[in-house]
Amino acid sequence: MRQMVLDLAALAPPSLESFVDGQNTELAQLLRLFSKREASQYGERFAYLWGESGAGKTHLLRALAENNQARYIPADAPESSFNHTPEITLYLLDDCEKLSPQAQIDAFALFNETRAHNGFLVAAGNAAPMSLALREDLRTRFGWGLIYQIHGLTDEEKIDALERLAQSRGMSISAGVLPYLITHFRRDMSSLTQMLNQLDQYSLETKRPITLPLLREVLLGLQQQTDKPTDN
């Protein structure tokens, strides 16, 4: 098996189009407005997203960050990332529950500057604002705008989304492959979609159909690659 088939780190850039809405249709529609800086037409410039790991928070923020007037800010970003700059109109603050004491001060200042300059800010964390172990004034800022819980997809919704993606690409997948995949691999849709791409590529290279044996072969190769010791 070629190394490239197992290179799952090279995920396709996140996009709003590749996010599977599931129960999050209203949120997806709102974020499309944020991506166009049109949410202010509805009186909204701030939003806070929360949900369990793998629900799609980072995917959505990084998708919004594809615009050159947006800035993605992870919790461990350098202090300079929290500085307000005129050319940036949309700030995207991720993993808020992990903000250090200094980063909390910086995030609070960024909220105020963004508001003063009529900008937009979307933040995300693993819990609702009032449940975060952060300074009170910052929790209040997170509650300024709309608050959405991101609901993860059910296994059935994931299989349905992958089946529709496969059909759109003319892929033929044997029964049992997708249920096995979502129970033996990473469960977020970005990784599952990338694995579907890798299976398609490997199937074409080896001229073999996408069956359970082929999937197990790819997963085994991935495991062997992960377990391989690195040179010091």
Protein backbone atom coordinates (compact mmCIF):
# COMPACT_ATOMS: atom_id res chain seq x y z
CA MET A 1 0.00 0.00 0.00
CA ARG A 2 1.36 3.37 -0.93
CA GLN A 3 2.14 5.87 1.82
CA MET A 4 -0.16 8.46 0.25
CA VAL A 5 -3.19 6.27 0.87
CA LEU A 6 -2.58 6.48 4.60
CA ASP A 7 -1.76 10.18 4.71
CA LEU A 8 -4.94 11.23 6.50
CA ALA A 9 -3.30 14.34 7.93
CA ALA A 10 -3.72 16.02 4.56
CA LEU A 11 -7.42 16.66 5.00
CA ALA A 12 -9.23 18.78 2.47
CA PRO A 13 -9.78 22.34 3.72
CA PRO A 14 -12.98 22.59 5.78
CA SER A 15 -15.89 24.34 4.09
CA LEU A 16 -19.46 25.21 4.98
CA GLU A 17 -20.59 23.11 2.01
CA SER A 18 -18.89 19.97 3.35
CA PHE A 19 -20.46 20.36 6.79
CA VAL A 20 -23.35 17.94 7.14
CA ASP A 21 -26.13 19.92 8.82
CA GLY A 22 -28.13 17.14 10.46
CA GLN A 23 -30.03 18.84 13.28
CA ASN A 24 -27.98 22.03 12.81
CA THR A 25 -29.73 23.51 9.78
CA GLU A 26 -30.54 26.85 11.42
CA LEU A 27 -26.95 27.23 12.63
CA ALA A 28 -25.53 26.41 9.20
CA GLN A 29 -27.74 29.06 7.64
CA LEU A 30 -26.64 31.64 10.21
CA LEU A 31 -22.95 30.93 9.63
CA ARG A 32 -23.39 31.37 5.90
CA LEU A 33 -24.60 34.88 6.73
CA PHE A 34 -21.57 35.42 8.95
CA SER A 35 -19.30 34.28 6.12
CA LYS A 36 -20.77 37.06 3.96
CA ARG A 37 -20.86 39.55 6.88
CA GLU A 38 -24.64 39.74 6.42
CA ALA A 39 -25.74 38.62 9.88
CA SER A 40 -25.88 42.23 11.04
CA GLN A 41 -28.96 42.65 8.84
CA TYR A 42 -30.70 40.50 11.44
CA GLY A 43 -29.15 42.32 14.38
CA GLU A 44 -26.47 39.72 15.07
CA ARG A 45 -22.71 40.19 15.11
CA PHE A 46 -21.75 37.60 17.73
CA ALA A 47 -22.40 33.88 18.04
CA TYR A 48 -21.23 31.17 20.40
CA LEU A 49 -21.19 27.48 19.46
CA TRP A 50 -20.85 24.65 21.90
CA GLY A 51 -20.92 20.88 21.76
CA GLU A 52 -18.99 17.69 22.34
CA SER A 53 -15.65 16.92 20.71
CA GLY A 54 -16.07 15.93 17.07
CA ALA A 55 -19.39 17.71 16.62
CA GLY A 56 -17.89 20.08 14.05
CA LYS A 57 -17.04 23.28 15.95
CA THR A 58 -13.50 23.59 14.63
CA HIS A 59 -14.60 22.55 11.15
CA LEU A 60 -17.09 25.43 11.05
CA LEU A 61 -14.69 28.03 12.42
CA ARG A 62 -11.92 27.01 10.04
CA ALA A 63 -14.39 27.07 7.16
CA LEU A 64 -15.30 30.64 8.03
CA ALA A 65 -11.60 31.49 8.27
CA GLU A 66 -11.03 30.72 4.57
CA ASN A 67 -11.91 34.35 3.83
CA ASN A 68 -8.87 36.66 3.89
CA GLN A 69 -10.78 39.12 6.09
CA ALA A 70 -11.25 36.51 8.81
CA ARG A 71 -8.87 35.24 11.50
CA TYR A 72 -8.98 31.86 13.21
CA ILE A 73 -7.71 32.04 16.80
CA PRO A 74 -7.10 28.79 18.70
CA ALA A 75 -6.97 28.99 22.49
CA ASP A 76 -3.18 28.68 22.52
CA ALA A 77 -2.61 31.34 19.86
CA PRO A 78 0.08 33.95 20.56
CA GLU A 79 -1.04 37.17 22.22
CA SER A 80 -0.72 39.09 18.96
CA SER A 81 -3.50 36.98 17.40
CA PHE A 82 -6.00 38.58 19.78
CA ASN A 83 -5.11 42.10 18.61
CA HIS A 84 -7.83 43.84 16.65
CA THR A 85 -6.72 44.93 13.18
CA PRO A 86 -8.78 47.03 10.74
CA GLU A 87 -8.52 44.61 7.81
CA ILE A 88 -10.04 41.74 9.82
CA THR A 89 -13.83 41.87 10.06
CA LEU A 90 -14.53 38.36 11.40
CA TYR A 91 -12.76 36.78 14.38
CA LEU A 92 -13.11 33.07 15.13
CA LEU A 93 -12.17 32.02 18.64
CA ASP A 94 -11.89 28.26 19.22
CA ASP A 95 -11.66 26.00 22.30
CA CYS A 96 -12.63 28.80 24.67
CA GLU A 97 -12.63 26.45 27.66
CA LYS A 98 -8.84 26.20 27.24
CA LEU A 99 -8.09 29.94 27.35
CA SER A 100 -5.30 30.82 29.77
CA PRO A 101 -5.83 33.68 32.25
CA GLN A 102 -3.91 36.06 29.97
CA ALA A 103 -5.74 34.84 26.87
CA GLN A 104 -9.04 35.47 28.66
CA ILE A 105 -8.01 39.09 29.17
CA ASP A 106 -7.01 39.33 25.51
CA ALA A 107 -10.26 37.73 24.33
CA PHE A 108 -12.29 40.16 26.46
CA ALA A 109 -10.48 43.10 24.89
CA LEU A 110 -11.01 41.64 21.41
CA PHE A 111 -14.76 41.38 22.01
CA ASN A 112 -14.91 45.03 22.97
CA GLU A 113 -12.81 46.17 20.00
CA THR A 114 -14.82 44.05 17.58
CA ARG A 115 -18.04 45.57 18.86
CA ALA A 116 -16.64 49.10 18.69
CA HIS A 117 -15.62 48.58 15.06
CA ASN A 118 -18.88 46.86 14.02
CA GLY A 119 -17.09 43.60 13.32
CA PHE A 120 -18.18 39.99 13.76
CA LEU A 121 -17.01 37.31 16.18
CA VAL A 122 -17.87 33.63 16.46
CA ALA A 123 -16.57 31.68 19.46
CA ALA A 124 -16.76 27.99 20.31
CA GLY A 125 -16.31 25.84 23.39
CA ASN A 126 -17.22 22.51 24.91
CA ALA A 127 -19.99 23.88 27.13
CA ALA A 128 -22.55 26.68 27.27
CA PRO A 129 -21.06 30.07 28.27
CA MET A 130 -22.27 30.07 31.87
CA SER A 131 -20.77 26.60 32.42
CA LEU A 132 -17.26 27.60 31.38
CA ALA A 133 -14.62 27.99 34.08
CA LEU A 134 -13.66 31.45 32.85
CA ARG A 135 -13.79 34.99 34.19
CA GLU A 136 -17.32 36.31 34.57
CA ASP A 137 -17.00 39.27 32.20
CA LEU A 138 -15.78 37.00 29.39
CA ARG A 139 -18.62 34.52 29.93
CA THR A 140 -20.99 37.48 29.64
CA ARG A 141 -19.42 38.46 26.32
CA PHE A 142 -19.90 34.93 25.00
CA GLY A 143 -23.58 35.34 25.77
CA TRP A 144 -23.93 38.63 23.87
CA GLY A 145 -25.21 37.06 20.67
CA LEU A 146 -26.85 33.85 19.58
CA ILE A 147 -25.90 30.65 21.38
CA TYR A 148 -26.14 27.33 19.55
CA GLN A 149 -25.51 23.81 20.71
CA ILE A 150 -24.06 21.77 17.86
CA HIS A 151 -25.72 18.39 17.74
CA GLY A 152 -23.55 15.56 16.48
CA LEU A 153 -24.80 13.35 13.70
CA THR A 154 -26.30 9.98 14.51
CA ASP A 155 -24.62 6.92 12.99
CA GLU A 156 -27.51 6.65 10.56
CA GLU A 157 -27.05 10.28 9.45
CA LYS A 158 -23.32 9.74 8.96
CA ILE A 159 -23.92 6.64 6.83
CA ASP A 160 -26.55 8.47 4.82
CA ALA A 161 -24.22 11.41 4.21
CA LEU A 162 -21.37 9.12 3.14
CA GLU A 163 -23.68 7.13 0.87
CA ARG A 164 -24.86 10.32 -0.84
CA LEU A 165 -21.28 11.47 -1.26
CA ALA A 166 -20.27 8.13 -2.74
CA GLN A 167 -23.23 8.16 -5.14
CA SER A 168 -22.37 11.68 -6.30
CA ARG A 169 -18.89 10.41 -7.23
CA GLY A 170 -20.10 7.24 -8.90
CA MET A 171 -18.51 5.03 -6.24
CA SER A 172 -19.78 1.51 -5.64
CA ILE A 173 -19.45 0.39 -2.03
CA SER A 174 -20.32 -3.07 -0.76
CA ALA A 175 -22.89 -3.45 1.99
CA GLY A 176 -21.38 -3.33 5.45
CA VAL A 177 -18.42 -1.12 4.55
CA LEU A 178 -19.79 2.16 5.90
CA PRO A 179 -21.25 0.75 9.15
CA TYR A 180 -17.89 -0.93 9.80
CA LEU A 181 -16.01 2.29 8.99
CA ILE A 182 -17.88 4.50 11.45
CA THR A 183 -17.39 2.00 14.28
CA HIS A 184 -13.69 1.28 13.62
CA PHE A 185 -12.34 4.69 12.62
CA ARG A 186 -12.47 8.31 13.68
CA ARG A 187 -16.06 9.40 14.04
CA ASP A 188 -15.95 13.01 12.83
CA MET A 189 -17.26 13.64 9.33
CA SER A 190 -14.07 15.31 8.08
CA SER A 191 -12.01 12.19 8.79
CA LEU A 192 -14.73 9.85 7.52
CA THR A 193 -15.02 11.81 4.27
CA GLN A 194 -11.25 11.78 3.83
CA MET A 195 -11.16 8.02 4.39
CA LEU A 196 -13.88 7.61 1.76
CA ASN A 197 -11.65 9.53 -0.65
CA GLN A 198 -8.69 7.32 0.24
CA LEU A 199 -10.73 4.15 -0.26
CA ASP A 200 -11.83 5.39 -3.68
CA GLN A 201 -8.25 6.18 -4.65
CA TYR A 202 -6.89 2.86 -3.38
CA SER A 203 -9.69 0.98 -5.13
CA LEU A 204 -8.77 2.61 -8.44
CA GLU A 205 -5.05 1.99 -7.95
CA THR A 206 -5.47 -1.68 -7.09
CA LYS A 207 -8.43 -2.26 -9.43
CA ARG A 208 -10.36 -3.82 -6.56
CA PRO A 209 -13.92 -3.04 -5.43
CA ILE A 210 -14.54 -1.26 -2.14
CA THR A 211 -15.38 -4.17 0.11
CA LEU A 212 -14.83 -5.01 3.77
CA PRO A 213 -11.52 -6.79 3.04
CA LEU A 214 -10.20 -3.71 1.25
CA LEU A 215 -11.34 -1.42 4.07
CA ARG A 216 -9.73 -3.65 6.69
CA GLU A 217 -6.51 -3.64 4.67
CA VAL A 218 -6.43 0.15 4.60
CA LEU A 219 -7.24 0.43 8.31
CA LEU A 220 -4.55 -2.11 9.15
CA GLY A 221 -2.02 -0.19 7.10
CA LEU A 222 -3.00 3.00 8.87
CA GLN A 223 -2.58 1.33 12.26
CA GLN A 224 0.84 -0.01 11.29
CA GLN A 225 1.87 3.45 10.11
CA THR A 226 0.70 4.96 13.41
CA ASP A 227 2.53 2.34 15.47
CA LYS A 228 5.76 2.63 13.50
CA PRO A 229 8.50 4.08 15.76
CA THR A 230 9.97 7.38 14.67
CA ASP A 231 13.69 8.04 14.35
CA ASN A 232 15.20 10.14 17.12
